[in-house]
Amino acid sequence: MSDSSYKANVSFTSANPVVISSVNHGLNSNDKINVYDIVSGDSVDLGKYTITKLTSDTFSIPVDGTRSTAGRLNYRREVNKNDEFISQKPVNNVTTTIRKKASMNLILKQNL
């Protein structure tokens, strides 16, 4: 995973559902994150969560934080089985595009 898949010291609310503020997070609804460290607060536990995108800078997770304390956490984006990884490499004026689904299906496409 790239460094952009990891976000450190982002804030979360004590609302229902918990809202996480993470500038330019790049996530979409139904993406999964793994909270691997709690910096402060007690609304969120370590583990995997399916998110709901609210804005480009905020998303929610299905946790009721109303009886807890807001704080900060670290998370990484989890790979979903339908994610597509794209790699392009030009060689001798030919660009080869490699598309891989997380299930490891491979499609090659050449652009001349």
N, C-alpha and C. Protein backbone atom coordinates (compact mmCIF):
# COMPACT_ATOMS: atom_id res chain seq x y z
N MET A 1 0.83 -1.18 0.00
CA MET A 1 0.00 0.00 0.00
C MET A 1 0.87 1.24 0.00
N SER A 2 0.36 2.29 -0.57
CA SER A 2 1.13 3.53 -0.60
C SER A 2 1.02 4.24 0.74
N ASP A 3 1.92 5.23 0.94
CA ASP A 3 1.88 6.00 2.18
C ASP A 3 0.55 6.71 2.34
N SER A 4 -0.12 7.05 1.22
CA SER A 4 -1.39 7.76 1.30
C SER A 4 -2.51 6.87 1.84
N SER A 5 -2.27 5.57 1.94
CA SER A 5 -3.27 4.67 2.51
C SER A 5 -3.29 4.75 4.03
N TYR A 6 -2.29 5.38 4.62
CA TYR A 6 -2.18 5.52 6.06
C TYR A 6 -2.44 6.96 6.46
N LYS A 7 -3.26 7.15 7.49
CA LYS A 7 -3.54 8.48 8.02
C LYS A 7 -3.28 8.47 9.51
N ALA A 8 -2.55 9.48 9.98
CA ALA A 8 -2.16 9.52 11.38
C ALA A 8 -2.75 10.73 12.09
N ASN A 9 -3.12 10.52 13.34
CA ASN A 9 -3.54 11.57 14.25
C ASN A 9 -4.71 12.38 13.72
N VAL A 10 -5.73 11.69 13.17
CA VAL A 10 -6.94 12.36 12.69
C VAL A 10 -7.98 12.38 13.80
N SER A 11 -8.84 13.39 13.79
CA SER A 11 -9.81 13.54 14.88
C SER A 11 -11.09 12.75 14.62
N PHE A 12 -11.74 12.35 15.71
CA PHE A 12 -13.05 11.71 15.62
C PHE A 12 -13.96 12.30 16.69
N THR A 13 -15.27 12.27 16.41
CA THR A 13 -16.27 12.88 17.30
C THR A 13 -16.81 11.87 18.30
N SER A 14 -17.60 12.39 19.22
CA SER A 14 -18.33 11.52 20.15
C SER A 14 -19.82 11.59 19.80
N ALA A 15 -20.12 11.40 18.52
CA ALA A 15 -21.50 11.47 18.02
C ALA A 15 -21.98 10.07 17.64
N ASN A 16 -23.21 9.99 17.17
CA ASN A 16 -23.76 8.74 16.63
C ASN A 16 -24.29 9.02 15.24
N PRO A 17 -23.59 8.54 14.20
CA PRO A 17 -22.36 7.74 14.24
C PRO A 17 -21.13 8.63 14.46
N VAL A 18 -20.02 7.99 14.82
CA VAL A 18 -18.76 8.70 14.97
C VAL A 18 -18.33 9.24 13.61
N VAL A 19 -17.92 10.51 13.57
CA VAL A 19 -17.44 11.15 12.34
C VAL A 19 -15.94 11.35 12.48
N ILE A 20 -15.20 10.95 11.45
CA ILE A 20 -13.75 11.10 11.41
C ILE A 20 -13.40 12.18 10.41
N SER A 21 -12.57 13.13 10.84
CA SER A 21 -12.09 14.20 9.96
C SER A 21 -10.70 13.85 9.48
N SER A 22 -10.56 13.69 8.16
CA SER A 22 -9.30 13.27 7.56
C SER A 22 -9.19 13.96 6.20
N VAL A 23 -8.39 15.02 6.13
CA VAL A 23 -8.31 15.86 4.94
C VAL A 23 -7.94 15.04 3.70
N ASN A 24 -8.73 15.22 2.63
CA ASN A 24 -8.51 14.51 1.35
C ASN A 24 -8.34 13.01 1.55
N HIS A 25 -9.25 12.39 2.28
CA HIS A 25 -9.11 10.97 2.62
C HIS A 25 -9.18 10.04 1.41
N GLY A 26 -9.87 10.42 0.33
CA GLY A 26 -9.92 9.59 -0.88
C GLY A 26 -10.75 8.33 -0.76
N LEU A 27 -11.58 8.23 0.26
CA LEU A 27 -12.41 7.05 0.47
C LEU A 27 -13.79 7.24 -0.14
N ASN A 28 -14.47 6.14 -0.39
CA ASN A 28 -15.85 6.13 -0.85
C ASN A 28 -16.68 5.30 0.11
N SER A 29 -17.99 5.56 0.13
CA SER A 29 -18.87 4.77 0.97
C SER A 29 -18.66 3.28 0.70
N ASN A 30 -18.69 2.50 1.74
CA ASN A 30 -18.47 1.05 1.74
C ASN A 30 -17.00 0.64 1.67
N ASP A 31 -16.07 1.61 1.58
CA ASP A 31 -14.67 1.26 1.74
C ASP A 31 -14.45 0.85 3.19
N LYS A 32 -13.37 0.14 3.42
CA LYS A 32 -13.06 -0.33 4.76
C LYS A 32 -11.76 0.30 5.24
N ILE A 33 -11.74 0.62 6.53
CA ILE A 33 -10.52 1.10 7.17
C ILE A 33 -10.19 0.18 8.33
N ASN A 34 -8.93 0.21 8.72
CA ASN A 34 -8.47 -0.52 9.89
C ASN A 34 -7.89 0.50 10.86
N VAL A 35 -8.56 0.70 11.98
CA VAL A 35 -8.05 1.58 13.02
C VAL A 35 -7.02 0.78 13.80
N TYR A 36 -5.75 1.17 13.68
CA TYR A 36 -4.68 0.39 14.30
C TYR A 36 -4.06 1.06 15.52
N ASP A 37 -4.49 2.30 15.83
CA ASP A 37 -3.96 2.97 17.01
C ASP A 37 -4.92 4.06 17.45
N ILE A 38 -5.19 4.13 18.74
CA ILE A 38 -6.00 5.21 19.31
C ILE A 38 -5.03 6.14 20.03
N VAL A 39 -4.98 7.39 19.58
CA VAL A 39 -4.07 8.37 20.18
C VAL A 39 -4.70 8.93 21.45
N SER A 40 -6.00 9.25 21.39
CA SER A 40 -6.73 9.76 22.55
C SER A 40 -8.22 9.48 22.36
N GLY A 41 -8.99 9.63 23.43
CA GLY A 41 -10.43 9.39 23.37
C GLY A 41 -10.76 7.93 23.54
N ASP A 42 -12.08 7.65 23.68
CA ASP A 42 -12.48 6.27 23.89
C ASP A 42 -13.77 5.90 23.15
N SER A 43 -14.12 6.66 22.11
CA SER A 43 -15.33 6.35 21.33
C SER A 43 -15.13 5.18 20.38
N VAL A 44 -13.90 4.98 19.93
CA VAL A 44 -13.61 4.00 18.88
C VAL A 44 -12.67 2.93 19.42
N ASP A 45 -12.92 1.69 19.03
CA ASP A 45 -12.03 0.58 19.37
C ASP A 45 -11.14 0.26 18.17
N LEU A 46 -10.04 -0.41 18.42
CA LEU A 46 -9.21 -0.91 17.33
C LEU A 46 -10.01 -1.90 16.51
N GLY A 47 -9.77 -1.93 15.19
CA GLY A 47 -10.46 -2.90 14.35
C GLY A 47 -10.84 -2.34 13.00
N LYS A 48 -11.58 -3.13 12.24
CA LYS A 48 -11.99 -2.78 10.88
C LYS A 48 -13.41 -2.22 10.89
N TYR A 49 -13.62 -1.19 10.05
CA TYR A 49 -14.92 -0.53 9.95
C TYR A 49 -15.23 -0.24 8.49
N THR A 50 -16.50 -0.34 8.14
CA THR A 50 -16.98 0.07 6.83
C THR A 50 -17.43 1.52 6.96
N ILE A 51 -16.96 2.38 6.06
CA ILE A 51 -17.20 3.81 6.20
C ILE A 51 -18.36 4.28 5.32
N THR A 52 -18.90 5.43 5.69
CA THR A 52 -19.84 6.17 4.86
C THR A 52 -19.22 7.52 4.57
N LYS A 53 -18.97 7.83 3.31
CA LYS A 53 -18.37 9.10 2.94
C LYS A 53 -19.37 10.22 3.16
N LEU A 54 -18.95 11.27 3.87
CA LEU A 54 -19.78 12.44 4.08
C LEU A 54 -19.32 13.59 3.18
N THR A 55 -18.01 13.87 3.21
CA THR A 55 -17.40 14.89 2.34
C THR A 55 -16.01 14.38 1.96
N SER A 56 -15.28 15.17 1.19
CA SER A 56 -13.92 14.75 0.82
C SER A 56 -12.98 14.77 2.03
N ASP A 57 -13.42 15.38 3.12
CA ASP A 57 -12.59 15.48 4.32
C ASP A 57 -13.17 14.76 5.54
N THR A 58 -14.38 14.19 5.42
CA THR A 58 -15.00 13.52 6.56
C THR A 58 -15.71 12.24 6.12
N PHE A 59 -15.78 11.30 7.04
CA PHE A 59 -16.57 10.08 6.84
C PHE A 59 -17.02 9.59 8.20
N SER A 60 -18.03 8.72 8.20
CA SER A 60 -18.51 8.17 9.46
C SER A 60 -18.27 6.66 9.50
N ILE A 61 -18.24 6.15 10.73
CA ILE A 61 -18.16 4.70 10.95
C ILE A 61 -19.32 4.33 11.87
N PRO A 62 -19.82 3.10 11.77
CA PRO A 62 -21.01 2.70 12.53
C PRO A 62 -20.71 2.42 14.01
N VAL A 63 -20.41 3.49 14.72
CA VAL A 63 -20.12 3.41 16.16
C VAL A 63 -20.92 4.51 16.85
N ASP A 64 -21.59 4.18 17.94
CA ASP A 64 -22.29 5.17 18.74
C ASP A 64 -21.32 5.71 19.78
N GLY A 65 -20.87 6.92 19.57
CA GLY A 65 -19.89 7.51 20.48
C GLY A 65 -20.48 8.51 21.45
N THR A 66 -21.81 8.54 21.58
CA THR A 66 -22.46 9.57 22.39
C THR A 66 -22.16 9.47 23.89
N ARG A 67 -21.78 8.32 24.37
CA ARG A 67 -21.47 8.17 25.81
C ARG A 67 -19.96 8.06 26.04
N SER A 68 -19.19 8.58 25.08
CA SER A 68 -17.74 8.44 25.14
C SER A 68 -17.07 9.78 24.91
N THR A 69 -15.76 9.74 24.79
CA THR A 69 -14.95 10.93 24.59
C THR A 69 -14.39 10.96 23.18
N ALA A 70 -14.50 12.10 22.53
CA ALA A 70 -13.89 12.29 21.21
C ALA A 70 -12.37 12.24 21.35
N GLY A 71 -11.69 12.08 20.23
CA GLY A 71 -10.23 12.02 20.31
C GLY A 71 -9.57 11.97 18.95
N ARG A 72 -8.45 11.27 18.91
CA ARG A 72 -7.66 11.17 17.69
C ARG A 72 -7.23 9.71 17.49
N LEU A 73 -7.07 9.32 16.21
CA LEU A 73 -6.70 7.94 15.91
C LEU A 73 -5.84 7.87 14.66
N ASN A 74 -5.27 6.70 14.43
CA ASN A 74 -4.51 6.39 13.22
C ASN A 74 -5.23 5.24 12.51
N TYR A 75 -5.32 5.35 11.17
CA TYR A 75 -5.97 4.28 10.41
C TYR A 75 -5.28 4.07 9.09
N ARG A 76 -5.60 2.94 8.47
CA ARG A 76 -5.15 2.68 7.10
C ARG A 76 -6.34 2.16 6.31
N ARG A 77 -6.32 2.41 5.03
CA ARG A 77 -7.37 1.94 4.14
C ARG A 77 -7.13 0.46 3.87
N GLU A 78 -8.19 -0.33 3.95
CA GLU A 78 -8.13 -1.75 3.64
C GLU A 78 -8.42 -1.96 2.16
N VAL A 79 -7.86 -3.00 1.58
CA VAL A 79 -8.11 -3.33 0.18
C VAL A 79 -9.40 -4.12 0.08
N ASN A 80 -10.27 -3.71 -0.82
CA ASN A 80 -11.53 -4.41 -1.07
C ASN A 80 -11.35 -5.36 -2.24
N LYS A 81 -12.13 -6.43 -2.28
CA LYS A 81 -11.95 -7.44 -3.32
C LYS A 81 -12.22 -6.89 -4.72
N ASN A 82 -12.99 -5.83 -4.87
CA ASN A 82 -13.26 -5.28 -6.19
C ASN A 82 -12.38 -4.09 -6.54
N ASP A 83 -11.41 -3.76 -5.69
CA ASP A 83 -10.51 -2.66 -6.00
C ASP A 83 -9.71 -2.99 -7.24
N GLU A 84 -9.36 -1.96 -7.98
CA GLU A 84 -8.57 -2.13 -9.18
C GLU A 84 -7.28 -1.34 -9.02
N PHE A 85 -6.18 -2.01 -9.24
CA PHE A 85 -4.87 -1.38 -9.15
C PHE A 85 -4.38 -1.16 -10.58
N ILE A 86 -3.94 0.04 -10.87
CA ILE A 86 -3.53 0.38 -12.24
C ILE A 86 -2.07 0.79 -12.23
N SER A 87 -1.32 0.20 -13.13
CA SER A 87 0.09 0.53 -13.30
C SER A 87 0.33 0.78 -14.78
N GLN A 88 0.96 1.90 -15.09
CA GLN A 88 1.28 2.19 -16.50
C GLN A 88 2.78 2.37 -16.63
N LYS A 89 3.31 1.76 -17.68
CA LYS A 89 4.75 1.84 -17.90
C LYS A 89 5.03 2.00 -19.39
N PRO A 90 5.56 3.17 -19.79
CA PRO A 90 5.92 3.34 -21.20
C PRO A 90 7.27 2.70 -21.52
N VAL A 91 7.30 1.90 -22.60
CA VAL A 91 8.53 1.28 -23.07
C VAL A 91 8.55 1.41 -24.59
N ASN A 92 9.58 2.03 -25.15
CA ASN A 92 9.72 2.18 -26.60
C ASN A 92 8.45 2.73 -27.25
N ASN A 93 7.95 3.84 -26.72
CA ASN A 93 6.76 4.52 -27.24
C ASN A 93 5.48 3.69 -27.16
N VAL A 94 5.48 2.63 -26.39
CA VAL A 94 4.28 1.83 -26.17
C VAL A 94 3.99 1.86 -24.67
N THR A 95 2.77 2.27 -24.31
CA THR A 95 2.38 2.30 -22.91
C THR A 95 1.57 1.05 -22.60
N THR A 96 2.03 0.29 -21.66
CA THR A 96 1.33 -0.91 -21.23
C THR A 96 0.60 -0.59 -19.93
N THR A 97 -0.69 -0.83 -19.92
CA THR A 97 -1.50 -0.61 -18.73
C THR A 97 -1.82 -1.97 -18.12
N ILE A 98 -1.49 -2.12 -16.87
CA ILE A 98 -1.79 -3.36 -16.16
C ILE A 98 -2.87 -3.06 -15.14
N ARG A 99 -3.94 -3.78 -15.22
CA ARG A 99 -5.04 -3.63 -14.27
C ARG A 99 -5.17 -4.93 -13.50
N LYS A 100 -5.13 -4.82 -12.19
CA LYS A 100 -5.26 -6.01 -11.35
C LYS A 100 -6.40 -5.79 -10.38
N LYS A 101 -7.31 -6.72 -10.35
CA LYS A 101 -8.32 -6.73 -9.31
C LYS A 101 -7.66 -7.33 -8.07
N ALA A 102 -8.19 -6.99 -6.93
CA ALA A 102 -7.62 -7.54 -5.70
C ALA A 102 -7.68 -9.06 -5.71
N SER A 103 -8.60 -9.62 -6.50
CA SER A 103 -8.68 -11.07 -6.60
C SER A 103 -7.58 -11.63 -7.50
N MET A 104 -6.71 -10.76 -7.99
CA MET A 104 -5.53 -11.08 -8.78
C MET A 104 -5.83 -11.45 -10.23
N ASN A 105 -7.00 -11.07 -10.74
CA ASN A 105 -7.24 -11.20 -12.18
C ASN A 105 -6.41 -10.13 -12.87
N LEU A 106 -5.85 -10.45 -13.99
CA LEU A 106 -4.93 -9.56 -14.69
C LEU A 106 -5.43 -9.29 -16.10
N ILE A 107 -5.46 -8.01 -16.47
CA ILE A 107 -5.85 -7.61 -17.82
C ILE A 107 -4.75 -6.71 -18.36
N LEU A 108 -4.27 -7.00 -19.53
CA LEU A 108 -3.26 -6.16 -20.17
C LEU A 108 -3.90 -5.41 -21.32
N LYS A 109 -3.53 -4.13 -21.44
CA LYS A 109 -4.04 -3.32 -22.53
C LYS A 109 -2.88 -2.46 -23.02
N GLN A 110 -2.62 -2.51 -24.30
CA GLN A 110 -1.54 -1.71 -24.86
C GLN A 110 -2.11 -0.54 -25.63
N ASN A 111 -1.55 0.64 -25.34
CA ASN A 111 -1.90 1.84 -26.08
C ASN A 111 -0.75 2.18 -27.00
N LEU A 112 -0.96 2.13 -28.30
CA LEU A 112 0.10 2.43 -29.26
C LEU A 112 0.05 3.87 -29.67
